[in-house]
């Protein structure tokens, strides 16, 4: 069964795939605007001794071709470590890059796959996704909340902290052992899905599912 593993934290990417050919982040030279991700790039540089990764990060920009090369180096590393050729890097409709698997691995192969991602692609892909999702490095919770309000999925006054609490609840309920569905339909409630009693859905104010349709788009593309 296929799955996609995204290299990012809780936030999701917003740019469409058509923007992938563009340089995503302006540098700090020549009197231009400050790079809002400068501290992230500096931290990433300090945390790796991989010369390829350091070269990608050194100018404060990550391009589509650099992400593709980072992904290919990770895949080559996996192949050399004996990991079956079941992986590929995938760009979704929002421009977010993730690793797609078409098969299962033995535990030793999973460790090798994780090591190769860590060495070659994790940092590059994560920063790339973040910069196309949130180019000004604004408060992501606030951007998502504003999108939900703008699309009529949450009431006026719904804020970033409101969304953060909801998304943290959502993350908790991704673990089946924590599932205790409710059925009163209030904001933040987790309801059992009728076609799958073992699955749950978290509700927004007004009863709209958090992880479907336009609400999901707001989480993945809050600036659209």
Protein backbone atom coordinates (compact mmCIF):
# COMPACT_ATOMS: atom_id res chain seq x y z
CA UNK A 1 0.00 0.00 0.00
CA UNK A 2 1.53 3.33 -1.01
CA UNK A 3 2.11 6.18 1.36
CA UNK A 4 3.71 9.59 1.32
CA UNK A 5 6.03 10.77 4.04
CA UNK A 6 6.43 14.51 4.17
CA UNK A 7 9.62 16.07 5.55
CA UNK A 8 8.20 18.93 7.56
CA UNK A 9 6.80 19.82 10.81
CA UNK A 10 3.08 20.35 11.43
CA UNK A 11 2.61 23.00 8.76
CA UNK A 12 2.07 22.22 5.08
CA UNK A 13 3.15 23.73 1.76
CA UNK A 14 1.15 26.35 -0.15
CA UNK A 15 2.82 27.04 -3.48
CA UNK A 16 1.48 25.37 -6.59
CA UNK A 17 3.68 23.09 -8.62
CA UNK A 18 4.08 25.80 -11.26
CA UNK A 19 6.19 27.82 -8.84
CA UNK A 20 8.73 25.06 -8.40
CA UNK A 21 10.96 26.38 -11.14
CA UNK A 22 11.47 29.67 -9.35
CA UNK A 23 14.06 30.66 -6.82
CA UNK A 24 12.01 30.73 -3.67
CA UNK A 25 13.86 32.95 -1.31
CA UNK A 26 15.74 36.18 -1.97
CA UNK A 27 19.21 36.49 -0.48
CA UNK A 28 20.45 39.18 1.85
CA UNK A 29 23.06 40.73 -0.42
CA UNK A 30 22.89 43.93 -2.42
CA UNK A 31 20.71 45.83 0.02
CA UNK A 32 17.69 43.60 -0.58
CA UNK A 33 15.10 42.66 1.99
CA UNK A 34 16.36 40.53 4.89
CA UNK A 35 15.99 36.81 4.47
CA UNK A 36 13.19 35.80 6.89
CA UNK A 37 14.67 32.29 7.10
CA UNK A 38 18.26 33.40 7.72
CA UNK A 39 18.36 31.97 11.25
CA UNK A 40 16.95 28.63 10.04
CA UNK A 41 19.55 28.42 7.29
CA UNK A 42 22.33 29.32 9.71
CA UNK A 43 21.18 26.66 12.17
CA UNK A 44 20.94 24.05 9.42
CA UNK A 45 24.45 24.92 8.23
CA UNK A 46 25.78 24.47 11.76
CA UNK A 47 24.12 21.07 12.13
CA UNK A 48 25.55 19.34 9.05
CA UNK A 49 29.00 18.53 7.75
CA UNK A 50 27.64 17.21 4.43
CA UNK A 51 29.36 19.39 1.84
CA UNK A 52 26.58 19.03 -0.72
CA UNK A 53 23.93 20.11 1.80
CA UNK A 54 26.13 22.98 3.00
CA UNK A 55 26.53 24.12 -0.59
CA UNK A 56 22.76 24.14 -1.11
CA UNK A 57 22.20 26.14 2.07
CA UNK A 58 25.12 28.54 1.71
CA UNK A 59 23.31 31.22 -0.34
CA UNK A 60 20.06 31.20 1.67
CA UNK A 61 18.17 29.90 -1.38
CA UNK A 62 16.81 26.47 -2.20
CA UNK A 63 15.75 25.88 -5.78
CA UNK A 64 13.64 23.14 -7.33
CA UNK A 65 16.70 21.64 -9.02
CA UNK A 66 18.58 21.54 -5.71
CA UNK A 67 15.69 19.72 -4.05
CA UNK A 68 15.59 17.24 -6.92
CA UNK A 69 19.32 16.62 -6.62
CA UNK A 70 19.08 16.19 -2.84
CA UNK A 71 16.32 13.65 -3.37
CA UNK A 72 18.29 11.76 -5.98
CA UNK A 73 21.35 11.61 -3.72
CA UNK A 74 19.17 10.19 -0.95
CA UNK A 75 17.78 7.57 -3.35
CA UNK A 76 21.28 6.68 -4.56
CA UNK A 77 22.36 6.29 -0.95
CA UNK A 78 19.43 3.95 -0.30
CA UNK A 79 20.26 1.86 -3.35
CA UNK A 80 23.89 1.53 -2.24
CA UNK A 81 22.66 0.41 1.20
CA UNK A 82 20.50 -2.35 -0.31
CA UNK A 83 17.13 -0.62 0.10
CA UNK A 84 14.71 -1.80 -2.64
CA UNK A 85 13.80 0.74 -5.30
CA UNK A 86 10.34 1.42 -3.85
CA UNK A 87 10.90 5.10 -3.07
CA UNK A 88 10.55 8.26 -5.12
CA UNK A 89 10.30 11.94 -4.31
CA UNK A 90 6.88 13.37 -5.10
CA UNK A 91 5.68 16.96 -5.49
CA UNK A 92 2.03 17.40 -4.57
CA UNK A 93 -0.50 19.88 -5.94
CA UNK A 94 0.64 22.49 -3.42
CA UNK A 95 4.31 22.22 -4.38
CA UNK A 96 5.27 20.29 -1.25
CA UNK A 97 7.94 17.63 -1.67
CA UNK A 98 7.73 14.29 0.11
CA UNK A 99 9.09 10.78 -0.12
CA UNK A 100 6.66 8.25 -1.59
CA UNK A 101 6.93 4.53 -0.87
CA UNK A 102 5.31 1.78 -2.92
CA UNK A 103 6.28 -1.08 -0.63
CA UNK A 104 7.32 -2.22 2.83
CA UNK A 105 10.84 -2.58 4.18
CA UNK A 106 12.57 -4.80 6.69
CA UNK A 107 13.66 -3.07 9.89
CA UNK A 108 17.30 -2.94 8.81
CA UNK A 109 16.28 -1.41 5.49
CA UNK A 110 14.11 1.16 7.27
CA UNK A 111 17.12 2.23 9.32
CA UNK A 112 19.23 2.61 6.18
CA UNK A 113 16.47 4.60 4.48
CA UNK A 114 16.20 6.94 7.46
CA UNK A 115 19.98 7.41 7.58
CA UNK A 116 20.11 8.30 3.89
CA UNK A 117 17.28 10.81 4.21
CA UNK A 118 18.94 12.38 7.24
CA UNK A 119 22.29 12.64 5.48
CA UNK A 120 21.17 13.98 2.11
CA UNK A 121 17.64 15.33 1.93
CA UNK A 122 15.81 15.98 5.21
CA UNK A 123 17.16 19.47 5.83
CA UNK A 124 16.93 20.59 2.21
CA UNK A 125 13.39 19.30 1.69
CA UNK A 126 12.09 20.62 5.02
CA UNK A 127 13.41 24.14 4.42
CA UNK A 128 12.23 24.12 0.82
CA UNK A 129 8.71 23.13 1.84
CA UNK A 130 8.60 25.75 4.57
CA UNK A 131 9.78 28.59 2.34
CA UNK A 132 7.23 27.88 -0.38
CA UNK A 133 4.47 27.41 2.17
CA UNK A 134 5.24 30.50 4.20
CA UNK A 135 7.75 32.68 2.31
CA UNK A 136 7.77 35.47 4.90
CA UNK A 137 8.13 33.06 7.82
CA UNK A 138 4.98 34.45 9.40
CA UNK A 139 3.06 32.75 12.20
CA UNK A 140 1.78 29.67 10.41
CA UNK A 141 -1.06 29.02 12.87
CA UNK A 142 -2.28 32.55 12.26
CA UNK A 143 -2.14 32.10 8.48
CA UNK A 144 -4.19 28.91 8.66
CA UNK A 145 -6.73 30.46 11.03
CA UNK A 146 -7.13 33.49 8.74
CA UNK A 147 -7.67 31.19 5.77
CA UNK A 148 -10.35 29.21 7.62
CA UNK A 149 -12.15 32.43 8.52
CA UNK A 150 -11.78 33.82 4.99
CA UNK A 151 -13.35 30.69 3.52
CA UNK A 152 -16.22 30.73 6.00
CA UNK A 153 -15.10 27.56 7.75
CA UNK A 154 -14.47 29.23 11.11
CA UNK A 155 -16.14 32.26 12.71
CA UNK A 156 -14.68 35.75 12.95
CA UNK A 157 -12.38 35.86 15.94
CA UNK A 158 -10.98 32.37 15.32
CA UNK A 159 -7.25 32.86 15.92
CA UNK A 160 -3.92 31.18 15.48
CA UNK A 161 -3.92 29.87 19.07
CA UNK A 162 -7.41 28.44 18.45
CA UNK A 163 -6.15 26.57 15.40
CA UNK A 164 -3.02 25.45 17.25
CA UNK A 165 -5.10 23.85 20.00
CA UNK A 166 -7.26 22.15 17.39
CA UNK A 167 -4.31 20.87 15.38
CA UNK A 168 -2.59 19.54 18.50
CA UNK A 169 -5.76 17.62 19.29
CA UNK A 170 -5.75 16.39 15.70
CA UNK A 171 -2.19 15.11 16.09
CA UNK A 172 -3.10 13.32 19.30
CA UNK A 173 -6.01 11.53 17.66
CA UNK A 174 -3.80 10.24 14.89
CA UNK A 175 -2.83 7.57 17.45
CA UNK A 176 -5.60 4.93 17.56
CA UNK A 177 -4.96 4.18 21.23
CA UNK A 178 -6.12 7.68 22.19
CA UNK A 179 -9.37 7.58 20.24
CA UNK A 180 -12.48 8.26 22.29
CA UNK A 181 -15.01 9.55 19.74
CA UNK A 182 -17.77 11.94 20.75
CA UNK A 183 -20.97 12.61 18.82
CA UNK A 184 -22.23 16.05 19.84
CA UNK A 185 -20.46 17.86 16.98
CA UNK A 186 -18.94 20.74 18.94
CA UNK A 187 -15.68 22.42 17.96
CA UNK A 188 -12.73 20.21 18.76
CA UNK A 189 -14.87 17.09 19.10
CA UNK A 190 -13.72 13.86 17.53
CA UNK A 191 -16.49 11.95 15.83
CA UNK A 192 -16.48 8.37 14.53
CA UNK A 193 -16.74 8.14 10.75
CA UNK A 194 -19.82 6.13 9.72
CA UNK A 195 -18.01 4.06 7.08
CA UNK A 196 -15.11 3.19 9.39
CA UNK A 197 -15.75 2.98 13.15
CA UNK A 198 -12.00 2.87 13.80
CA UNK A 199 -11.41 6.20 12.04
CA UNK A 200 -12.14 9.61 13.52
CA UNK A 201 -12.62 13.18 12.30
CA UNK A 202 -11.95 16.40 14.17
CA UNK A 203 -14.50 19.18 13.70
CA UNK A 204 -14.04 22.91 13.18
CA UNK A 205 -16.42 25.45 14.72
CA UNK A 206 -19.69 25.01 12.84
CA UNK A 207 -19.11 21.29 12.37
CA UNK A 208 -16.95 21.19 9.23
CA UNK A 209 -14.29 18.42 9.21
CA UNK A 210 -10.78 19.75 9.79
CA UNK A 211 -9.04 17.41 7.36
CA UNK A 212 -11.26 17.55 4.30
CA UNK A 213 -11.92 19.87 1.39
CA UNK A 214 -11.20 23.57 1.77
CA UNK A 215 -10.25 23.16 5.43
CA UNK A 216 -7.47 20.80 4.42
CA UNK A 217 -6.42 23.19 1.67
CA UNK A 218 -6.14 25.98 4.24
CA UNK A 219 -3.74 23.86 6.25
CA UNK A 220 -1.64 22.96 3.24
CA UNK A 221 -1.96 26.23 1.32
CA UNK A 222 -3.07 28.98 3.71
CA UNK A 223 -2.08 31.83 1.39
CA UNK A 224 -4.14 30.59 -1.56
